[in-house]
Every structure is written in C-alpha cells, then in structure tokens.
Amino acid sequence: MASTKTLGQLSLIELRRELRCRELKVSGNKEALMERLKQSIIDDEQDPDTYLFEIEPDTGEIWKSMKEQIKEDLKLVKDELKNELGNKLSSMESVVFGLKKDMDDYK
C-alpha cells in the first residue's frame, strides 16, 4: 500500500530512490539531494512545495508486518490445538475411566 509524501517529508533513502528513478546523481547530503530533486520537479513544470511522491513501503517494513501477522496466526492455531487436544484428552480419559469401571464390574 503506497503512501504520499511531500519533498520535505522524504527520507534520505526515499530521496535517493526518487533521484535514481529520474536518472539523477544520488550522491551528497540530504540538503543537496532535496535541492537536486526540487530542481528536477521545477524542470518538469511542477510545484515542488505541493508535489506529492508515492512511496511504496520498503521490503523491511513489509517483512516486519508479515512476521507480526504470522505470529498472531500461529498463536491462534496453537490455542485452537490446545483446546481441541484438551477436549480429546478429556474424552479419552472418560473412555479409560469407563473401561476401568467395566473391568471392575466384570471381576
């Protein structure tokens, strides 16, 4: 899911990514990169103060989100298994108890 940011909100990584997409130089400090990108926006006859960049989440953010979801899913499965195994164990105990009672009655 993409979000939008203005030039001033871009991180250093996002600035470099945008500059690469425009085939511009990516070296320099953040101020230099912002100025280079600002000039490119102006050259494209856009307003750099209102221009919005679509930012895709990086793979690290996606992976973190997926790991959190997997952890939640595993916990649900674990709880369901515990509950189901607990019910089956109770049922088995009842059967064993019934068999013991039948054996005692048979004697």
PDB file of N, CA and C in Angstrom:
ATOM      1  N   MET A   1       0.844  -1.164   0.000  1.00  0.00           N
ATOM      2  CA  MET A   1       0.000   0.000   0.000  1.00  0.00           C
ATOM      3  C   MET A   1       0.901   1.243   0.000  1.00  0.00           C
ATOM      4  N   ALA A   2       0.755   2.062  -0.994  1.00  0.00           N
ATOM      5  CA  ALA A   2       1.589   3.257  -1.139  1.00  0.00           C
ATOM      6  C   ALA A   2       1.020   4.402  -0.297  1.00  0.00           C
ATOM      7  N   SER A   3       1.929   5.258   0.155  1.00  0.00           N
ATOM      8  CA  SER A   3       1.520   6.481   0.836  1.00  0.00           C
ATOM      9  C   SER A   3       2.098   7.649   0.043  1.00  0.00           C
ATOM     10  N   THR A   4       1.687   8.850   0.389  1.00  0.00           N
ATOM     11  CA  THR A   4       2.217  10.024  -0.305  1.00  0.00           C
ATOM     12  C   THR A   4       2.959  10.910   0.683  1.00  0.00           C
ATOM     13  N   LYS A   5       4.004  11.546   0.188  1.00  0.00           N
ATOM     14  CA  LYS A   5       4.802  12.463   0.989  1.00  0.00           C
ATOM     15  C   LYS A   5       5.190  13.660   0.138  1.00  0.00           C
ATOM     16  N   THR A   6       5.409  14.786   0.810  1.00  0.00           N
ATOM     17  CA  THR A   6       5.947  15.961   0.128  1.00  0.00           C
ATOM     18  C   THR A   6       7.465  15.867   0.124  1.00  0.00           C
ATOM     19  N   LEU A   7       8.103  16.735  -0.612  1.00  0.00           N
ATOM     20  CA  LEU A   7       9.563  16.738  -0.715  1.00  0.00           C
ATOM     21  C   LEU A   7      10.224  16.812   0.664  1.00  0.00           C
ATOM     22  N   GLY A   8       9.735  17.678   1.520  1.00  0.00           N
ATOM     23  CA  GLY A   8      10.316  17.848   2.844  1.00  0.00           C
ATOM     24  C   GLY A   8      10.127  16.653   3.761  1.00  0.00           C
ATOM     25  N   GLN A   9       9.203  15.764   3.449  1.00  0.00           N
ATOM     26  CA  GLN A   9       8.936  14.595   4.282  1.00  0.00           C
ATOM     27  C   GLN A   9       9.748  13.363   3.873  1.00  0.00           C
ATOM     28  N   LEU A  10      10.412  13.431   2.728  1.00  0.00           N
ATOM     29  CA  LEU A  10      11.141  12.268   2.227  1.00  0.00           C
ATOM     30  C   LEU A  10      12.377  11.974   3.073  1.00  0.00           C
ATOM     31  N   SER A  11      12.613  10.696   3.305  1.00  0.00           N
ATOM     32  CA  SER A  11      13.829  10.279   4.000  1.00  0.00           C
ATOM     33  C   SER A  11      14.975  10.274   2.990  1.00  0.00           C
ATOM     34  N   LEU A  12      16.178  10.124   3.496  1.00  0.00           N
ATOM     35  CA  LEU A  12      17.355  10.078   2.632  1.00  0.00           C
ATOM     36  C   LEU A  12      17.243   8.932   1.620  1.00  0.00           C
ATOM     37  N   ILE A  13      16.810   7.784   2.079  1.00  0.00           N
ATOM     38  CA  ILE A  13      16.647   6.623   1.197  1.00  0.00           C
ATOM     39  C   ILE A  13      15.607   6.911   0.118  1.00  0.00           C
ATOM     40  N   GLU A  14      14.492   7.515   0.519  1.00  0.00           N
ATOM     41  CA  GLU A  14      13.433   7.841  -0.436  1.00  0.00           C
ATOM     42  C   GLU A  14      13.895   8.884  -1.446  1.00  0.00           C
ATOM     43  N   LEU A  15      14.682   9.867  -0.992  1.00  0.00           N
ATOM     44  CA  LEU A  15      15.230  10.874  -1.910  1.00  0.00           C
ATOM     45  C   LEU A  15      16.112  10.198  -2.959  1.00  0.00           C
ATOM     46  N   ARG A  16      16.996   9.316  -2.507  1.00  0.00           N
ATOM     47  CA  ARG A  16      17.883   8.621  -3.452  1.00  0.00           C
ATOM     48  C   ARG A  16      17.096   7.756  -4.421  1.00  0.00           C
ATOM     49  N   ARG A  17      16.081   7.090  -3.920  1.00  0.00           N
ATOM     50  CA  ARG A  17      15.246   6.240  -4.785  1.00  0.00           C
ATOM     51  C   ARG A  17      14.585   7.089  -5.875  1.00  0.00           C
ATOM     52  N   GLU A  18      14.040   8.238  -5.477  1.00  0.00           N
ATOM     53  CA  GLU A  18      13.376   9.129  -6.437  1.00  0.00           C
ATOM     54  C   GLU A  18      14.372   9.698  -7.438  1.00  0.00           C
ATOM     55  N   LEU A  19      15.559  10.066  -6.981  1.00  0.00           N
ATOM     56  CA  LEU A  19      16.591  10.592  -7.879  1.00  0.00           C
ATOM     57  C   LEU A  19      17.034   9.520  -8.877  1.00  0.00           C
ATOM     58  N   ARG A  20      17.173   8.282  -8.408  1.00  0.00           N
ATOM     59  CA  ARG A  20      17.542   7.183  -9.319  1.00  0.00           C
ATOM     60  C   ARG A  20      16.485   7.003 -10.405  1.00  0.00           C
ATOM     61  N   CYS A  21      15.224   7.070 -10.002  1.00  0.00           N
ATOM     62  CA  CYS A  21      14.122   6.926 -10.966  1.00  0.00           C
ATOM     63  C   CYS A  21      14.182   8.011 -12.040  1.00  0.00           C
ATOM     64  N   ARG A  22      14.672   9.169 -11.655  1.00  0.00           N
ATOM     65  CA  ARG A  22      14.793  10.292 -12.598  1.00  0.00           C
ATOM     66  C   ARG A  22      16.172  10.319 -13.274  1.00  0.00           C
ATOM     67  N   GLU A  23      16.969   9.274 -12.994  1.00  0.00           N
ATOM     68  CA  GLU A  23      18.314   9.140 -13.556  1.00  0.00           C
ATOM     69  C   GLU A  23      19.189  10.353 -13.227  1.00  0.00           C
ATOM     70  N   LEU A  24      19.104  10.798 -11.967  1.00  0.00           N
ATOM     71  CA  LEU A  24      19.898  11.913 -11.485  1.00  0.00           C
ATOM     72  C   LEU A  24      20.942  11.407 -10.486  1.00  0.00           C
ATOM     73  N   LYS A  25      21.943  12.231 -10.242  1.00  0.00           N
ATOM     74  CA  LYS A  25      23.019  11.919  -9.318  1.00  0.00           C
ATOM     75  C   LYS A  25      22.449  11.711  -7.904  1.00  0.00           C
ATOM     76  N   VAL A  26      22.924  10.658  -7.209  1.00  0.00           N
ATOM     77  CA  VAL A  26      22.385  10.331  -5.889  1.00  0.00           C
ATOM     78  C   VAL A  26      23.382  10.570  -4.751  1.00  0.00           C
ATOM     79  N   SER A  27      24.514  11.158  -5.055  1.00  0.00           N
ATOM     80  CA  SER A  27      25.493  11.416  -4.001  1.00  0.00           C
ATOM     81  C   SER A  27      25.241  12.786  -3.388  1.00  0.00           C
ATOM     82  N   GLY A  28      25.728  12.945  -2.146  1.00  0.00           N
ATOM     83  CA  GLY A  28      25.586  14.215  -1.445  1.00  0.00           C
ATOM     84  C   GLY A  28      24.770  14.057  -0.183  1.00  0.00           C
ATOM     85  N   ASN A  29      24.711  15.139   0.591  1.00  0.00           N
ATOM     86  CA  ASN A  29      23.923  15.097   1.829  1.00  0.00           C
ATOM     87  C   ASN A  29      22.445  15.322   1.514  1.00  0.00           C
ATOM     88  N   LYS A  30      21.624  15.218   2.531  1.00  0.00           N
ATOM     89  CA  LYS A  30      20.172  15.311   2.327  1.00  0.00           C
ATOM     90  C   LYS A  30      19.771  16.641   1.689  1.00  0.00           C
ATOM     91  N   GLU A  31      20.371  17.729   2.147  1.00  0.00           N
ATOM     92  CA  GLU A  31      20.032  19.048   1.576  1.00  0.00           C
ATOM     93  C   GLU A  31      20.343  19.101   0.091  1.00  0.00           C
ATOM     94  N   ALA A  32      21.498  18.557  -0.306  1.00  0.00           N
ATOM     95  CA  ALA A  32      21.887  18.568  -1.720  1.00  0.00           C
ATOM     96  C   ALA A  32      20.920  17.720  -2.542  1.00  0.00           C
ATOM     97  N   LEU A  33      20.541  16.575  -1.990  1.00  0.00           N
ATOM     98  CA  LEU A  33      19.607  15.697  -2.705  1.00  0.00           C
ATOM     99  C   LEU A  33      18.235  16.362  -2.851  1.00  0.00           C
ATOM    100  N   MET A  34      17.784  17.018  -1.782  1.00  0.00           N
ATOM    101  CA  MET A  34      16.493  17.711  -1.846  1.00  0.00           C
ATOM    102  C   MET A  34      16.528  18.821  -2.894  1.00  0.00           C
ATOM    103  N   GLU A  35      17.620  19.558  -2.925  1.00  0.00           N
ATOM    104  CA  GLU A  35      17.750  20.649  -3.891  1.00  0.00           C
ATOM    105  C   GLU A  35      17.759  20.104  -5.322  1.00  0.00           C
ATOM    106  N   ARG A  36      18.475  19.006  -5.532  1.00  0.00           N
ATOM    107  CA  ARG A  36      18.544  18.382  -6.861  1.00  0.00           C
ATOM    108  C   ARG A  36      17.154  17.898  -7.302  1.00  0.00           C
ATOM    109  N   LEU A  37      16.439  17.277  -6.384  1.00  0.00           N
ATOM    110  CA  LEU A  37      15.102  16.778  -6.703  1.00  0.00           C
ATOM    111  C   LEU A  37      14.123  17.937  -6.909  1.00  0.00           C
ATOM    112  N   LYS A  38      14.263  18.977  -6.102  1.00  0.00           N
ATOM    113  CA  LYS A  38      13.420  20.171  -6.247  1.00  0.00           C
ATOM    114  C   LYS A  38      13.605  20.786  -7.636  1.00  0.00           C
ATOM    115  N   GLN A  39      14.847  20.877  -8.082  1.00  0.00           N
ATOM    116  CA  GLN A  39      15.115  21.452  -9.405  1.00  0.00           C
ATOM    117  C   GLN A  39      14.521  20.571 -10.503  1.00  0.00           C
ATOM    118  N   SER A  40      14.582  19.278 -10.324  1.00  0.00           N
ATOM    119  CA  SER A  40      14.004  18.356 -11.308  1.00  0.00           C
ATOM    120  C   SER A  40      12.488  18.535 -11.401  1.00  0.00           C
ATOM    121  N   ILE A  41      11.856  18.726 -10.248  1.00  0.00           N
ATOM    122  CA  ILE A  41      10.401  18.955 -10.225  1.00  0.00           C
ATOM    123  C   ILE A  41      10.064  20.255 -10.937  1.00  0.00           C
ATOM    124  N   ILE A  42      10.855  21.288 -10.680  1.00  0.00           N
ATOM    125  CA  ILE A  42      10.643  22.579 -11.347  1.00  0.00           C
ATOM    126  C   ILE A  42      10.845  22.428 -12.850  1.00  0.00           C
ATOM    127  N   ASP A  43      11.884  21.675 -13.248  1.00  0.00           N
ATOM    128  CA  ASP A  43      12.138  21.437 -14.675  1.00  0.00           C
ATOM    129  C   ASP A  43      10.968  20.721 -15.345  1.00  0.00           C
ATOM    130  N   ASP A  44      10.239  19.920 -14.562  1.00  0.00           N
ATOM    131  CA  ASP A  44       9.046  19.224 -15.075  1.00  0.00           C
ATOM    132  C   ASP A  44       7.800  20.100 -14.991  1.00  0.00           C
ATOM    133  N   GLU A  45       8.019  21.391 -14.681  1.00  0.00           N
ATOM    134  CA  GLU A  45       6.942  22.385 -14.575  1.00  0.00           C
ATOM    135  C   GLU A  45       5.900  22.012 -13.522  1.00  0.00           C
ATOM    136  N   GLN A  46       6.401  21.509 -12.392  1.00  0.00           N
ATOM    137  CA  GLN A  46       5.555  21.180 -11.245  1.00  0.00           C
ATOM    138  C   GLN A  46       5.953  22.082 -10.084  1.00  0.00           C
ATOM    139  N   ASP A  47       5.086  22.189  -9.098  1.00  0.00           N
ATOM    140  CA  ASP A  47       5.378  22.977  -7.906  1.00  0.00           C
ATOM    141  C   ASP A  47       6.010  22.061  -6.851  1.00  0.00           C
ATOM    142  N   PRO A  48       7.279  22.275  -6.515  1.00  0.00           N
ATOM    143  CA  PRO A  48       7.942  21.384  -5.544  1.00  0.00           C
ATOM    144  C   PRO A  48       7.352  21.465  -4.132  1.00  0.00           C
ATOM    145  N   ASP A  49       6.646  22.535  -3.819  1.00  0.00           N
ATOM    146  CA  ASP A  49       6.049  22.668  -2.486  1.00  0.00           C
ATOM    147  C   ASP A  49       4.775  21.845  -2.328  1.00  0.00           C
ATOM    148  N   THR A  50       4.102  21.533  -3.425  1.00  0.00           N
ATOM    149  CA  THR A  50       2.849  20.782  -3.348  1.00  0.00           C
ATOM    150  C   THR A  50       2.937  19.413  -4.033  1.00  0.00           C
ATOM    151  N   TYR A  51       4.064  19.141  -4.697  1.00  0.00           N
ATOM    152  CA  TYR A  51       4.233  17.874  -5.404  1.00  0.00           C
ATOM    153  C   TYR A  51       4.204  16.718  -4.399  1.00  0.00           C
ATOM    154  N   LEU A  52       3.426  15.681  -4.701  1.00  0.00           N
ATOM    155  CA  LEU A  52       3.323  14.515  -3.822  1.00  0.00           C
ATOM    156  C   LEU A  52       4.014  13.316  -4.458  1.00  0.00           C
ATOM    157  N   PHE A  53       4.844  12.662  -3.676  1.00  0.00           N
ATOM    158  CA  PHE A  53       5.559  11.468  -4.110  1.00  0.00           C
ATOM    159  C   PHE A  53       4.817  10.242  -3.584  1.00  0.00           C
ATOM    160  N   GLU A  54       4.625   9.245  -4.427  1.00  0.00           N
ATOM    161  CA  GLU A  54       4.041   7.991  -3.979  1.00  0.00           C
ATOM    162  C   GLU A  54       5.166   7.116  -3.458  1.00  0.00           C
ATOM    163  N   ILE A  55       5.054   6.759  -2.197  1.00  0.00           N
ATOM    164  CA  ILE A  55       6.105   5.990  -1.539  1.00  0.00           C
ATOM    165  C   ILE A  55       5.592   4.586  -1.244  1.00  0.00           C
ATOM    166  N   GLU A  56       6.277   3.606  -1.815  1.00  0.00           N
ATOM    167  CA  GLU A  56       5.959   2.213  -1.535  1.00  0.00           C
ATOM    168  C   GLU A  56       6.713   1.804  -0.275  1.00  0.00           C
ATOM    169  N   PRO A  57       6.093   0.999   0.581  1.00  0.00           N
ATOM    170  CA  PRO A  57       6.824   0.554   1.769  1.00  0.00           C
ATOM    171  C   PRO A  57       8.023  -0.295   1.352  1.00  0.00           C
ATOM    172  N   ASP A  58       9.112  -0.183   2.101  1.00  0.00           N
ATOM    173  CA  ASP A  58      10.275  -0.982   1.741  1.00  0.00           C
ATOM    174  C   ASP A  58      10.077  -2.422   2.193  1.00  0.00           C
ATOM    175  N   THR A  59      10.894  -3.306   1.686  1.00  0.00           N
ATOM    176  CA  THR A  59      10.724  -4.734   1.973  1.00  0.00           C
ATOM    177  C   THR A  59      10.880  -5.035   3.456  1.00  0.00           C
ATOM    178  N   GLY A  60      11.700  -4.253   4.162  1.00  0.00           N
ATOM    179  CA  GLY A  60      11.852  -4.456   5.602  1.00  0.00           C
ATOM    180  C   GLY A  60      10.545  -4.230   6.345  1.00  0.00           C
ATOM    181  N   GLU A  61       9.817  -3.187   5.972  1.00  0.00           N
ATOM    182  CA  GLU A  61       8.533  -2.900   6.598  1.00  0.00           C
ATOM    183  C   GLU A  61       7.515  -3.987   6.265  1.00  0.00           C
ATOM    184  N   ILE A  62       7.518  -4.424   5.018  1.00  0.00           N
ATOM    185  CA  ILE A  62       6.592  -5.475   4.602  1.00  0.00           C
ATOM    186  C   ILE A  62       6.888  -6.759   5.370  1.00  0.00           C
ATOM    187  N   TRP A  63       8.178  -7.127   5.457  1.00  0.00           N
ATOM    188  CA  TRP A  63       8.576  -8.348   6.148  1.00  0.00           C
ATOM    189  C   TRP A  63       8.180  -8.280   7.621  1.00  0.00           C
ATOM    190  N   LYS A  64       8.408  -7.133   8.256  1.00  0.00           N
ATOM    191  CA  LYS A  64       8.055  -6.968   9.671  1.00  0.00           C
ATOM    192  C   LYS A  64       6.556  -7.159   9.867  1.00  0.00           C
ATOM    193  N   SER A  65       5.771  -6.567   9.000  1.00  0.00           N
ATOM    194  CA  SER A  65       4.317  -6.697   9.079  1.00  0.00           C
ATOM    195  C   SER A  65       3.891  -8.150   8.892  1.00  0.00           C
ATOM    196  N   MET A  66       4.513  -8.833   7.934  1.00  0.00           N
ATOM    197  CA  MET A  66       4.181 -10.240   7.680  1.00  0.00           C
ATOM    198  C   MET A  66       4.554 -11.103   8.886  1.00  0.00           C
ATOM    199  N   LYS A  67       5.716 -10.848   9.491  1.00  0.00           N
ATOM    200  CA  LYS A  67       6.143 -11.624  10.654  1.00  0.00           C
ATOM    201  C   LYS A  67       5.154 -11.455  11.808  1.00  0.00           C
ATOM    202  N   GLU A  68       4.697 -10.227  12.022  1.00  0.00           N
ATOM    203  CA  GLU A  68       3.734  -9.972  13.091  1.00  0.00           C
ATOM    204  C   GLU A  68       2.432 -10.721  12.833  1.00  0.00           C
ATOM    205  N   GLN A  69       1.980 -10.725  11.576  1.00  0.00           N
ATOM    206  CA  GLN A  69       0.744 -11.427  11.236  1.00  0.00           C
ATOM    207  C   GLN A  69       0.915 -12.935  11.411  1.00  0.00           C
ATOM    208  N   ILE A  70       2.069 -13.458  11.017  1.00  0.00           N
ATOM    209  CA  ILE A  70       2.337 -14.890  11.169  1.00  0.00           C
ATOM    210  C   ILE A  70       2.348 -15.268  12.651  1.00  0.00           C
ATOM    211  N   LYS A  71       2.965 -14.438  13.481  1.00  0.00           N
ATOM    212  CA  LYS A  71       2.981 -14.706  14.922  1.00  0.00           C
ATOM    213  C   LYS A  71       1.565 -14.765  15.485  1.00  0.00           C
ATOM    214  N   GLU A  72       0.723 -13.818  15.077  1.00  0.00           N
ATOM    215  CA  GLU A  72      -0.666 -13.806  15.541  1.00  0.00           C
ATOM    216  C   GLU A  72      -1.400 -15.060  15.082  1.00  0.00           C
ATOM    217  N   ASP A  73      -1.203 -15.432  13.806  1.00  0.00           N
ATOM    218  CA  ASP A  73      -1.863 -16.627  13.266  1.00  0.00           C
ATOM    219  C   ASP A  73      -1.409 -17.889  13.988  1.00  0.00           C
ATOM    220  N   LEU A  74      -0.100 -17.992  14.254  1.00  0.00           N
ATOM    221  CA  LEU A  74       0.428 -19.163  14.954  1.00  0.00           C
ATOM    222  C   LEU A  74      -0.134 -19.263  16.368  1.00  0.00           C
ATOM    223  N   LYS A  75      -0.284 -18.122  17.030  1.00  0.00           N
ATOM    224  CA  LYS A  75      -0.847 -18.138  18.374  1.00  0.00           C
ATOM    225  C   LYS A  75      -2.288 -18.641  18.335  1.00  0.00           C
ATOM    226  N   LEU A  76      -3.059 -18.197  17.348  1.00  0.00           N
ATOM    227  CA  LEU A  76      -4.443 -18.666  17.222  1.00  0.00           C
ATOM    228  C   LEU A  76      -4.484 -20.171  16.982  1.00  0.00           C
ATOM    229  N   VAL A  77      -3.623 -20.663  16.090  1.00  0.00           N
ATOM    230  CA  VAL A  77      -3.583 -22.091  15.792  1.00  0.00           C
ATOM    231  C   VAL A  77      -3.183 -22.874  17.046  1.00  0.00           C
ATOM    232  N   LYS A  78      -2.181 -22.382  17.751  1.00  0.00           N
ATOM    233  CA  LYS A  78      -1.717 -23.039  18.977  1.00  0.00           C
ATOM    234  C   LYS A  78      -2.852 -23.121  19.992  1.00  0.00           C
ATOM    235  N   ASP A  79      -3.570 -22.021  20.180  1.00  0.00           N
ATOM    236  CA  ASP A  79      -4.684 -22.008  21.135  1.00  0.00           C
ATOM    237  C   ASP A  79      -5.783 -22.977  20.709  1.00  0.00           C
ATOM    238  N   GLU A  80      -6.073 -23.031  19.403  1.00  0.00           N
ATOM    239  CA  GLU A  80      -7.100 -23.954  18.909  1.00  0.00           C
ATOM    240  C   GLU A  80      -6.677 -25.407  19.127  1.00  0.00           C
ATOM    241  N   LEU A  81      -5.408 -25.703  18.858  1.00  0.00           N
ATOM    242  CA  LEU A  81      -4.904 -27.065  19.062  1.00  0.00           C
ATOM    243  C   LEU A  81      -4.947 -27.459  20.535  1.00  0.00           C
ATOM    244  N   LYS A  82      -4.533 -26.531  21.397  1.00  0.00           N
ATOM    245  CA  LYS A  82      -4.585 -26.802  22.836  1.00  0.00           C
ATOM    246  C   LYS A  82      -6.010 -27.137  23.263  1.00  0.00           C
ATOM    247  N   ASN A  83      -6.943 -26.340  22.792  1.00  0.00           N
ATOM    248  CA  ASN A  83      -8.337 -26.534  23.151  1.00  0.00           C
ATOM    249  C   ASN A  83      -8.844 -27.873  22.621  1.00  0.00           C
ATOM    250  N   GLU A  84      -8.544 -28.162  21.359  1.00  0.00           N
ATOM    251  CA  GLU A  84      -9.014 -29.404  20.750  1.00  0.00           C
ATOM    252  C   GLU A  84      -8.365 -30.620  21.407  1.00  0.00           C
ATOM    253  N   LEU A  85      -7.059 -30.545  21.643  1.00  0.00           N
ATOM    254  CA  LEU A  85      -6.372 -31.660  22.298  1.00  0.00           C
ATOM    255  C   LEU A  85      -6.871 -31.838  23.725  1.00  0.00           C
ATOM    256  N   GLY A  86      -7.146 -30.742  24.396  1.00  0.00           N
ATOM    257  CA  GLY A  86      -7.689 -30.818  25.756  1.00  0.00           C
ATOM    258  C   GLY A  86      -9.022 -31.521  25.767  1.00  0.00           C
ATOM    259  N   ASN A  87      -9.880 -31.195  24.791  1.00  0.00           N
ATOM    260  CA  ASN A  87     -11.192 -31.845  24.699  1.00  0.00           C
ATOM    261  C   ASN A  87     -11.037 -33.330  24.397  1.00  0.00           C
ATOM    262  N   LYS A  88     -10.118 -33.674  23.492  1.00  0.00           N
ATOM    263  CA  LYS A  88      -9.909 -35.079  23.138  1.00  0.00           C
ATOM    264  C   LYS A  88      -9.333 -35.846  24.323  1.00  0.00           C
ATOM    265  N   LEU A  89      -8.420 -35.210  25.065  1.00  0.00           N
ATOM    266  CA  LEU A  89      -7.838 -35.851  26.233  1.00  0.00           C
ATOM    267  C   LEU A  89      -8.912 -36.148  27.271  1.00  0.00           C
ATOM    268  N   SER A  90      -9.800 -35.176  27.492  1.00  0.00           N
ATOM    269  CA  SER A  90     -10.900 -35.387  28.438  1.00  0.00           C
ATOM    270  C   SER A  90     -11.773 -36.530  27.978  1.00  0.00           C
ATOM    271  N   SER A  91     -12.042 -36.583  26.687  1.00  0.00           N
ATOM    272  CA  SER A  91     -12.860 -37.649  26.120  1.00  0.00           C
ATOM    273  C   SER A  91     -12.177 -39.004  26.295  1.00  0.00           C
ATOM    274  N   MET A  92     -10.864 -39.053  26.052  1.00  0.00           N
ATOM    275  CA  MET A  92     -10.111 -40.298  26.199  1.00  0.00           C
ATOM    276  C   MET A  92     -10.088 -40.735  27.667  1.00  0.00           C
ATOM    277  N   GLU A  93      -9.938 -39.780  28.564  1.00  0.00           N
ATOM    278  CA  GLU A  93      -9.947 -40.105  29.989  1.00  0.00           C
ATOM    279  C   GLU A  93     -11.283 -40.694  30.394  1.00  0.00           C
ATOM    280  N   SER A  94     -12.346 -40.160  29.829  1.00  0.00           N
ATOM    281  CA  SER A  94     -13.680 -40.689  30.123  1.00  0.00           C
ATOM    282  C   SER A  94     -13.809 -42.127  29.636  1.00  0.00           C
ATOM    283  N   VAL A  95     -13.270 -42.401  28.454  1.00  0.00           N
ATOM    284  CA  VAL A  95     -13.323 -43.755  27.894  1.00  0.00           C
ATOM    285  C   VAL A  95     -12.525 -44.712  28.779  1.00  0.00           C
ATOM    286  N   VAL A  96     -11.309 -44.290  29.158  1.00  0.00           N
ATOM    287  CA  VAL A  96     -10.463 -45.128  30.021  1.00  0.00           C
ATOM    288  C   VAL A  96     -11.156 -45.371  31.363  1.00  0.00           C
ATOM    289  N   PHE A  97     -11.720 -44.319  31.926  1.00  0.00           N
ATOM    290  CA  PHE A  97     -12.431 -44.474  33.193  1.00  0.00           C
ATOM    291  C   PHE A  97     -13.588 -45.460  33.032  1.00  0.00           C
ATOM    292  N   GLY A  98     -14.318 -45.334  31.927  1.00  0.00           N
ATOM    293  CA  GLY A  98     -15.437 -46.252  31.665  1.00  0.00           C
ATOM    294  C   GLY A  98     -14.957 -47.684  31.512  1.00  0.00           C
ATOM    295  N   LEU A  99     -13.833 -47.891  30.828  1.00  0.00           N
ATOM    296  CA  LEU A  99     -13.283 -49.241  30.653  1.00  0.00           C
ATOM    297  C   LEU A  99     -12.853 -49.830  31.997  1.00  0.00           C
ATOM    298  N   LYS A 100     -12.216 -49.003  32.824  1.00  0.00           N
ATOM    299  CA  LYS A 100     -11.801 -49.470  34.151  1.00  0.00           C
ATOM    300  C   LYS A 100     -13.011 -49.896  34.964  1.00  0.00           C
ATOM    301  N   LYS A 101     -14.067 -49.078  34.873  1.00  0.00           N
ATOM    302  CA  LYS A 101     -15.299 -49.386  35.626  1.00  0.00           C
ATOM    303  C   LYS A 101     -15.890 -50.684  35.123  1.00  0.00           C
ATOM    304  N   ASP A 102     -15.911 -50.842  33.774  1.00  0.00           N
ATOM    305  CA  ASP A 102     -16.457 -52.095  33.219  1.00  0.00           C
ATOM    306  C   ASP A 102     -15.630 -53.296  33.689  1.00  0.00           C
ATOM    307  N   MET A 103     -14.304 -53.126  33.733  1.00  0.00           N
ATOM    308  CA  MET A 103     -13.428 -54.231  34.156  1.00  0.00           C
ATOM    309  C   MET A 103     -13.662 -54.557  35.632  1.00  0.00           C
ATOM    310  N   ASP A 104     -13.828 -53.510  36.442  1.00  0.00           N
ATOM    311  CA  ASP A 104     -14.100 -53.746  37.875  1.00  0.00           C
ATOM    312  C   ASP A 104     -15.428 -54.457  38.057  1.00  0.00           C
ATOM    313  N   ASP A 105     -16.437 -54.069  37.265  1.00  0.00           N
ATOM    314  CA  ASP A 105     -17.743 -54.698  37.337  1.00  0.00           C
ATOM    315  C   ASP A 105     -17.677 -56.160  36.875  1.00  0.00           C
ATOM    316  N   TYR A 106     -16.803 -56.439  35.914  1.00  0.00           N
ATOM    317  CA  TYR A 106     -16.671 -57.788  35.340  1.00  0.00           C
ATOM    318  C   TYR A 106     -16.056 -58.753  36.353  1.00  0.00           C
ATOM    319  N   LYS A 107     -15.165 -58.229  37.187  1.00  0.00           N
ATOM    320  CA  LYS A 107     -14.490 -59.081  38.158  1.00  0.00           C
ATOM    321  C   LYS A 107     -15.480 -59.534  39.142  1.00  0.00           C
TER     322      LYS A 107
END
